[in-house]
Each structure stands twice: as C-alpha cells, then as structure tokens.
Amino acid sequence: MNRGLGKTSGSAKFDKLLQLSTAGEGAAKVRPVGEWSITEQEVAAFIEVDQLLDENKVGVEFADCFDRMHQRMPSEDMALLAAGTMTAEALKAADLLAQRGINASVISASSVKPLDDGCIRRLLARRLPYVTMEEHVLAGGFGSAVAEHCAAHGLRLPDEMIALPDAFIPHGAREDLIRLHGLDSASIVARVSPLANRTA
C-alpha cells in the first residue's frame, strides 16, 4: 500500500511507522522531512485507517508522487472524500449509511497537494453528491483545496465540507473532541444522509 512517513530520529515511534509502512503488499515510501515527531495516539489512528482500508479491500494505485485517491467501492448514492485520519470515520459512516440503504463510496486522499484531478473528474462525471471531510479547519485544508481546484476548472463544488471550526479547541480525548465538533461517524451520517436523494 502507498504510504508516506517522516523521520523521527530513529525513535520507537518511527520504528512503529516503519513497520506499518512495510507491512503487507504494495509499495512503501519513507520521506525524510527533518525532525518530525508523531504521538502514540496519531500512530494508533494511522494503524486504524490502514486496517480499515485493508478490511474494505481498497484498490491501491501507486504513483511516484502522492497525488492518488484510493476508492473503496463504486456507489450510486454519494461519495465521501476523506483526508488523513478521517478516512476511518468515513468508512464507519459508510457502513452506517448502508444500514439505511444508502450506498456511499469512500475515497481516501493521500495528499492535499497535489490533488488527484483525474479522480475528481471521474467522480463528478457520475453526478453524485460528494462531501469532503478532514480533521483540520476548513481554511487552508483539504475541503477548501478541493473547492478551489473545482472553481478554477469550472467543476462542481462539494455539496458539504466537514471540518473543525476555526475556533479554540479545548484539550481532551480525540474521540470526545471529534464527536463534540461533528466529525465522528454518527454525526457525519446525520449530516450527509439528506444528500442521498440529490443529483447534480
């Protein structure tokens, strides 16, 4: 599977990420980016995303630059475009939506820049509602990058952009904070379900 990692001065955290990168089939790439640290919680989130992608048999298309989006399965109702750790919540949301009879594709973006223009155009050609989601503020993030790219090329903008508010975020457990700000799978389902009957 195509994965990008950073350097942590040979720490145990880096060893964990290296194991994640080289586990299983597919291509792996380690990109040194200087002194970069990652928390144990972030390692766990990356591992969860990786396991969910493998369980859902995500097709992997390797490229020299990390500009590919990996799609779980085609859908006739909507598409969820997720960046980073939000891929895990998007996959859980897709399973909850399926229980409501709504089929949602999950597309995992491995980078914000460059964006996968081909994937976006193929998605829009299917005339499905689509949503971006990220564990980041909207300004300068994944959703705004997709919207700006689409606006610049005369393409349809996302129907919804789910992100953190541009405000002070209190300290707390990650699962509590994403639920507080509507980034958990249940909140995503409540927000995107009305889009199921909408066509472009």
Foldseek 3Di string as FASTA:
>chain_A
DEAEEEDAPPDPLVVLVVCVQPPDDDDGDYDYDDHDDDDPVLSVLQVLLSVLCVVLVWDDDDDPDQAAKIKSDDALFEEEEEERSLLNQVSVLQVVVVVVVHHYMYIYRDDLPPHDVVVVVVRVVSQHAYEYEYAAAPVPDNLVSQQVVCVVVVHDHHPYYYYAHPDDQDDDDPVVRCVVRQSGSVSVNVVCVVRRPPGD
